[in-house]
Protein backbone atom coordinates (compact mmCIF):
# COMPACT_ATOMS: atom_id res chain seq x y z
CA UNK A 1 71.82 96.95 107.32
CA UNK A 2 74.37 96.50 104.51
CA UNK A 3 71.82 96.73 101.68
CA UNK A 4 71.16 100.44 102.10
CA UNK A 5 74.91 101.13 102.02
CA UNK A 6 75.24 99.15 98.79
CA UNK A 7 72.37 101.06 97.18
CA UNK A 8 73.79 104.36 98.45
CA UNK A 9 77.14 103.52 96.82
CA UNK A 10 75.44 102.73 93.52
CA UNK A 11 73.47 105.99 93.66
CA UNK A 12 76.62 107.99 94.42
CA UNK A 13 78.42 106.40 91.45
CA UNK A 14 75.44 107.02 89.17
CA UNK A 15 75.32 110.68 90.25
CA UNK A 16 79.05 111.20 89.67
CA UNK A 17 78.90 109.49 86.26
CA UNK A 18 75.99 111.72 85.26
CA UNK A 19 77.86 114.84 86.42
CA UNK A 20 80.98 113.78 84.47
CA UNK A 21 78.97 113.15 81.29
CA UNK A 22 77.13 116.43 81.81
CA UNK A 23 80.46 118.25 81.33
CA UNK A 24 80.69 116.94 77.74
CA UNK A 25 79.69 119.61 75.23
CA UNK A 26 81.11 117.99 72.08
CA UNK A 27 80.60 114.24 71.86
CA UNK A 28 82.59 113.95 68.63
CA UNK A 29 85.57 115.54 70.36
CA UNK A 30 85.12 113.12 73.27
CA UNK A 31 85.21 110.01 71.06
CA UNK A 32 87.98 111.41 68.85
CA UNK A 33 90.19 111.94 71.91
CA UNK A 34 90.46 108.14 72.30
CA UNK A 35 91.70 107.83 68.71
CA UNK A 36 94.39 110.45 69.28
CA UNK A 37 96.07 108.65 72.18
CA UNK A 38 99.67 107.53 71.67
CA UNK A 39 99.19 103.90 72.60
CA UNK A 40 102.85 103.36 73.38
CA UNK A 41 101.89 104.57 76.86
CA UNK A 42 100.23 101.21 77.53
CA UNK A 43 103.59 99.67 78.37
CA UNK A 44 104.96 102.16 80.96
CA UNK A 45 101.49 102.69 82.45
CA UNK A 46 100.91 98.99 83.02
CA UNK A 47 104.50 98.40 84.12
CA UNK A 48 104.37 101.36 86.51
CA UNK A 49 101.16 100.17 88.13
CA UNK A 50 102.48 96.64 88.60
CA UNK A 51 105.60 98.09 90.26
CA UNK A 52 103.25 99.92 92.66
CA UNK A 53 101.64 96.59 93.58
CA UNK A 54 105.04 94.91 93.98
CA UNK A 55 106.07 97.69 96.39
CA UNK A 56 102.80 97.38 98.33
CA UNK A 57 103.35 93.62 98.73
CA UNK A 58 106.94 94.23 99.91
CA UNK A 59 105.74 96.78 102.48
CA UNK A 60 103.00 94.48 103.79
CA UNK A 61 105.47 91.59 104.12
CA UNK A 62 107.79 93.91 106.06
CA UNK A 63 104.98 94.88 108.48
CA UNK A 64 103.96 91.24 108.92
CA UNK A 65 107.55 90.25 109.79
CA UNK A 66 107.12 92.02 113.14
CA UNK A 67 104.46 89.41 113.92
CA UNK A 68 105.54 86.34 111.92
CA UNK A 69 107.58 85.79 108.73
CA UNK A 70 105.47 85.22 105.61
CA UNK A 71 106.33 84.52 101.97
CA UNK A 72 106.48 87.45 99.55
CA UNK A 73 104.40 85.47 97.05
CA UNK A 74 101.60 85.30 99.64
CA UNK A 75 101.53 89.05 100.26
CA UNK A 76 101.72 89.76 96.51
CA UNK A 77 98.78 87.43 95.82
CA UNK A 78 96.94 89.00 98.75
CA UNK A 79 97.39 92.50 97.29
CA UNK A 80 96.04 91.44 93.88
CA UNK A 81 93.10 89.62 95.45
CA UNK A 82 92.40 92.66 97.65
CA UNK A 83 92.24 95.00 94.66
CA UNK A 84 90.11 92.52 92.72
CA UNK A 85 87.68 92.26 95.64
CA UNK A 86 87.51 96.05 96.01
CA UNK A 87 86.67 96.22 92.30
CA UNK A 88 83.79 93.75 92.33
CA UNK A 89 82.55 93.42 95.93
CA UNK A 90 80.71 96.19 97.82
CA UNK A 91 81.74 98.02 101.00
CA UNK A 92 85.52 97.97 100.35
CA UNK A 93 85.58 94.28 101.29
CA UNK A 94 89.04 93.82 99.79
CA UNK A 95 90.94 94.76 102.94
CA UNK A 96 89.24 92.07 105.00
CA UNK A 97 89.40 89.63 102.08
CA UNK A 98 93.19 89.89 101.85
CA UNK A 99 93.54 89.46 105.62
CA UNK A 100 91.40 86.31 105.46
CA UNK A 101 93.28 85.04 102.40
CA UNK A 102 96.74 85.53 103.91
CA UNK A 103 95.68 84.10 107.27
CA UNK A 104 94.44 80.93 105.55
CA UNK A 105 97.46 80.76 103.22
CA UNK A 106 100.10 81.28 105.92
CA UNK A 107 98.19 79.58 108.76
CA UNK A 108 97.85 82.79 110.77
CA UNK A 109 94.93 84.23 112.75
CA UNK A 110 92.78 86.75 110.90
CA UNK A 111 92.62 89.43 113.63
CA UNK A 112 96.38 90.15 113.92
CA UNK A 113 96.75 90.07 110.13
CA UNK A 114 93.92 92.61 109.92
CA UNK A 115 95.81 94.78 112.42
CA UNK A 116 98.77 94.94 110.02
CA UNK A 117 96.38 96.12 107.29
CA UNK A 118 95.21 98.92 109.61
CA UNK A 119 98.82 99.97 110.29
CA UNK A 120 99.52 99.93 106.55
CA UNK A 121 96.49 102.11 105.78
CA UNK A 122 97.47 104.63 108.46
CA UNK A 123 100.96 104.89 106.93
CA UNK A 124 99.29 105.46 103.54
CA UNK A 125 97.17 108.25 105.00
CA UNK A 126 100.17 109.97 106.57
CA UNK A 127 102.13 109.73 103.29
CA UNK A 128 99.22 111.23 101.32
CA UNK A 129 98.89 114.06 103.87
CA UNK A 130 102.63 114.79 103.57
CA UNK A 131 102.38 114.99 99.77
CA UNK A 132 99.25 117.13 100.12
CA UNK A 133 101.35 119.64 102.08
CA UNK A 134 103.94 119.59 99.26
CA UNK A 135 101.22 120.27 96.68
CA UNK A 136 99.78 123.14 98.70
CA UNK A 137 103.23 124.72 98.90
CA UNK A 138 104.09 124.49 95.21
CA UNK A 139 100.87 124.21 93.16
CA UNK A 140 99.97 127.49 91.50
CA UNK A 141 96.27 127.94 92.30
CA UNK A 142 94.59 130.83 90.45
CA UNK A 143 92.79 133.48 92.51
CA UNK A 144 89.38 132.39 91.18
CA UNK A 145 89.97 128.91 92.63
CA UNK A 146 90.99 129.88 96.16
CA UNK A 147 87.87 128.11 97.43
CA UNK A 148 89.48 124.87 96.21
CA UNK A 149 92.65 125.78 98.08
CA UNK A 150 90.64 126.22 101.29
CA UNK A 151 88.77 122.94 100.72
CA UNK A 152 92.06 121.05 100.20
CA UNK A 153 93.51 122.71 103.30
CA UNK A 154 90.53 121.76 105.48
CA UNK A 155 90.41 118.24 104.04
CA UNK A 156 94.12 117.78 104.74
CA UNK A 157 93.78 118.93 108.34
CA UNK A 158 90.78 116.66 108.86
CA UNK A 159 92.61 113.65 107.40
CA UNK A 160 95.71 114.40 109.51
CA UNK A 161 93.67 114.60 112.71
CA UNK A 162 91.87 111.35 111.85
CA UNK A 163 95.07 109.43 110.96
CA UNK A 164 97.04 110.66 113.98
CA UNK A 165 94.03 110.09 116.24
CA UNK A 166 93.70 106.48 115.07
CA UNK A 167 97.46 105.93 115.41
CA UNK A 168 97.33 107.36 118.95
CA UNK A 169 94.46 104.99 119.86
CA UNK A 170 96.43 102.02 118.51
CA UNK A 171 99.47 103.06 120.55
CA UNK A 172 97.34 103.37 123.70
CA UNK A 173 95.83 99.94 123.07
CA UNK A 174 99.21 98.30 122.35
CA UNK A 175 101.16 99.73 125.29
CA UNK A 176 98.32 99.75 127.85
CA UNK A 177 96.45 96.70 126.66
CA UNK A 178 95.33 95.33 130.03
CA UNK A 179 93.75 98.58 131.36
CA UNK A 180 92.08 99.20 127.98
CA UNK A 181 90.67 95.66 127.83
CA UNK A 182 89.43 95.98 131.41
CA UNK A 183 87.62 99.23 130.56
CA UNK A 184 86.17 97.74 127.36
CA UNK A 185 85.06 94.68 129.32
CA UNK A 186 82.99 96.92 131.59
CA UNK A 187 81.52 98.76 128.58
CA UNK A 188 80.65 95.49 126.81
CA UNK A 189 79.08 93.84 129.88
CA UNK A 190 75.47 94.82 128.94
CA UNK A 191 75.87 92.86 125.66
CA UNK A 192 76.11 89.57 127.56
CA UNK A 193 78.99 87.44 128.76
CA UNK A 194 79.33 85.38 125.56
CA UNK A 195 79.59 88.40 123.22
CA UNK A 196 81.82 90.24 125.69
CA UNK A 197 84.26 87.33 125.88
CA UNK A 198 84.33 86.85 122.11
CA UNK A 199 85.00 90.53 121.34
CA UNK A 200 87.72 90.78 123.99
CA UNK A 201 89.43 87.64 122.65
CA UNK A 202 89.39 89.10 119.12
CA UNK A 203 90.93 92.34 120.42
CA UNK A 204 93.68 90.37 122.16
CA UNK A 205 94.45 88.59 118.87
CA UNK A 206 94.27 91.93 117.01
CA UNK A 207 96.91 93.44 119.32
CA UNK A 208 99.44 90.82 118.16
CA UNK A 209 99.44 92.48 114.74
CA UNK A 210 100.41 95.83 116.26
CA UNK A 211 103.84 94.65 117.41
CA UNK A 212 105.54 96.94 114.87
CA UNK A 213 104.38 99.93 116.97
CA UNK A 214 106.94 98.89 119.58
CA UNK A 215 109.75 98.98 117.00
CA UNK A 216 110.39 102.62 116.00
CA UNK A 217 113.07 101.79 113.41
CA UNK A 218 110.80 99.34 111.60
CA UNK A 219 107.90 101.79 111.81
CA UNK A 220 110.07 104.51 110.25
CA UNK A 221 111.02 102.06 107.49
CA UNK A 222 107.32 101.41 106.83
CA UNK A 223 106.77 105.15 106.39
CA UNK A 224 109.68 105.33 103.94
CA UNK A 225 108.20 102.43 101.99
CA UNK A 226 104.85 104.24 101.96
CA UNK A 227 106.49 107.32 100.45
CA UNK A 228 108.06 105.04 97.82
CA UNK A 229 104.68 103.42 97.03
CA UNK A 230 103.02 106.78 96.41
CA UNK A 231 105.93 108.18 94.40
CA UNK A 232 105.93 105.13 92.10
CA UNK A 233 102.16 105.67 91.78
CA UNK A 234 102.97 108.81 89.79
CA UNK A 235 104.30 106.74 86.85
CA UNK A 236 100.89 105.62 85.47
CA UNK A 237 99.51 109.17 85.78
CA UNK A 238 102.49 110.70 83.99
CA UNK A 239 102.45 107.97 81.29
CA UNK A 240 98.73 108.34 80.48
CA UNK A 241 99.20 112.12 80.40
CA UNK A 242 102.03 111.63 77.89
CA UNK A 243 99.70 109.45 75.84
CA UNK A 244 97.35 112.42 75.54
CA UNK A 245 100.25 114.68 74.57
CA UNK A 246 100.39 116.36 77.99
CA UNK A 247 103.62 116.83 79.93
CA UNK A 248 102.45 116.74 83.53
CA UNK A 249 104.88 118.21 86.04
CA UNK A 250 105.77 116.39 89.26
CA UNK A 251 103.44 118.68 91.26
CA UNK A 252 100.61 118.31 88.72
CA UNK A 253 100.91 114.51 88.87
CA UNK A 254 101.02 114.61 92.67
CA UNK A 255 97.92 116.82 92.72
CA UNK A 256 96.04 114.29 90.56
CA UNK A 257 97.24 111.38 92.68
CA UNK A 258 96.01 112.98 95.91
CA UNK A 259 92.61 113.81 94.43
CA UNK A 260 92.30 110.27 93.06
CA UNK A 261 93.06 108.94 96.56
CA UNK A 262 90.29 111.19 97.86
CA UNK A 263 87.94 109.89 95.15
CA UNK A 264 88.66 106.31 96.26
CA UNK A 265 87.63 107.21 99.83
CA UNK A 266 84.13 108.36 98.80
CA UNK A 267 81.47 105.66 99.43
CA UNK A 268 80.55 104.51 95.93
CA UNK A 269 80.04 101.40 93.83
CA UNK A 270 82.85 98.81 93.75
CA UNK A 271 85.81 99.97 91.67
CA UNK A 272 85.22 103.69 92.43
CA UNK A 273 83.19 104.15 89.25
CA UNK A 274 82.05 107.72 88.76
CA UNK A 275 83.82 109.29 91.73
CA UNK A 276 87.24 108.65 90.17
CA UNK A 277 86.12 109.86 86.75
CA UNK A 278 84.47 113.13 87.78
CA UNK A 279 87.20 114.18 90.21
CA UNK A 280 89.97 113.35 87.71
CA UNK A 281 88.08 115.17 84.95
CA UNK A 282 87.67 118.27 87.13
CA UNK A 283 91.31 118.15 88.24
CA UNK A 284 92.64 117.99 84.67
CA UNK A 285 90.36 120.83 83.61
CA UNK A 286 91.50 122.82 86.65
CA UNK A 287 95.15 122.36 85.68
CA UNK A 288 94.23 123.71 82.25
CA UNK A 289 96.01 120.95 80.35
CA UNK A 290 92.92 119.23 78.86
CA UNK A 291 89.37 120.27 78.06
CA UNK A 292 86.39 118.47 79.65
CA UNK A 293 86.08 115.95 76.80
CA UNK A 294 89.77 115.03 76.82
CA UNK A 295 89.88 115.07 80.63
CA UNK A 296 87.10 112.48 80.88
CA UNK A 297 88.86 110.32 78.27
CA UNK A 298 92.03 110.60 80.37
CA UNK A 299 90.10 109.53 83.48
CA UNK A 300 88.55 106.53 81.68
CA UNK A 301 91.91 105.31 80.35
CA UNK A 302 93.69 105.74 83.71
CA UNK A 303 90.85 104.05 85.60
CA UNK A 304 90.91 101.15 83.14
CA UNK A 305 94.57 100.51 83.97
CA UNK A 306 93.73 100.55 87.68
CA UNK A 307 90.63 98.36 87.31
CA UNK A 308 91.03 95.62 84.69
CA UNK A 309 94.59 94.23 85.21
CA UNK A 310 94.20 93.78 88.98
CA UNK A 311 90.70 92.32 88.57
CA UNK A 312 91.86 89.77 85.98
CA UNK A 313 95.05 88.78 87.84
CA UNK A 314 93.17 88.65 91.16
CA UNK A 315 90.52 86.33 89.72
CA UNK A 316 93.19 84.06 88.19
CA UNK A 317 95.02 83.86 91.54
CA UNK A 318 91.76 83.16 93.32
CA UNK A 319 90.99 80.33 90.90
CA UNK A 320 94.53 78.95 91.24
CA UNK A 321 94.17 78.85 95.03
CA UNK A 322 90.90 76.96 94.73
CA UNK A 323 88.70 79.82 95.96
CA UNK A 324 85.56 81.24 94.38
CA UNK A 325 83.95 84.66 94.81
CA UNK A 326 81.08 83.04 96.70
CA UNK A 327 83.48 81.08 98.92
CA UNK A 328 85.53 84.19 99.56
CA UNK A 329 82.43 86.14 100.62
CA UNK A 330 81.47 83.27 102.93
CA UNK A 331 84.96 83.20 104.51
CA UNK A 332 84.90 86.97 104.93
CA UNK A 333 81.44 86.83 106.48
CA UNK A 334 82.68 84.29 109.04
CA UNK A 335 85.66 86.53 109.85
CA UNK A 336 83.35 89.51 110.36
CA UNK A 337 81.05 87.44 112.53
């Protein structure tokens, strides 16, 4: 069942890479654009991205505190290992991997830890949708690109409905757990008593990780931290732009960030190869600040900062904790099962 999804992701990445390369008209200009970068940007770009990860670890620790206190070092390691796993394992396995890692590290159950990851991702979605609304208000979209404006508008509405719908379902489950479990028990009955009991027990454990939903002040704080995470995320984009001699405005950087988040949501090969590059290339060309050759160079440099540091640090942390990629996949498989 999983194999076709893996192959589909590889095909999607291959298609997007081909489309990005197809935009190149002058290969000399493409290669020369790498030589013209001001490499002083390496420092603020790398520093900015690590600050993003520090903020993400802080936010996750804050969400987990509603369930059980955990060490900041554990959530920080979990974030790095998550990004590493997303970069090298298929099917966005990183989210489950970090839940399994932290549960083992802090002697917690996997299901409630996974619930905190779901809450975190919903807060991310709502933050992105908020910033999308800001972009739509202030980005100057030329008349010939109004179709893009409509596509962004429809995509934003769809994402908002999905995020709020999922949040509503989690609220229903958390506050009316017994009636929901009773109804699910009836629905799961045809699957057999053993499977029914196991799934219901996992859902009960999962609900423990949703305790923050009953604490409005803490939930509001999580949203504020999510806004902070995404605002800090603008630093690497601005810094790489400066390296190419481009002064990106706040709205331009926000526009790129939102499209890159969309690119990461497209089913593709691990590490978002191809999808990230084509969409970033098109966005830079749309803004009119770089040509297609320079825009693809920009995408490659930015993606490299997202991909290689987290992969290297994640692998080192994994080795330090005595895990291997194979062992991690085995642990994750048991958690899924």
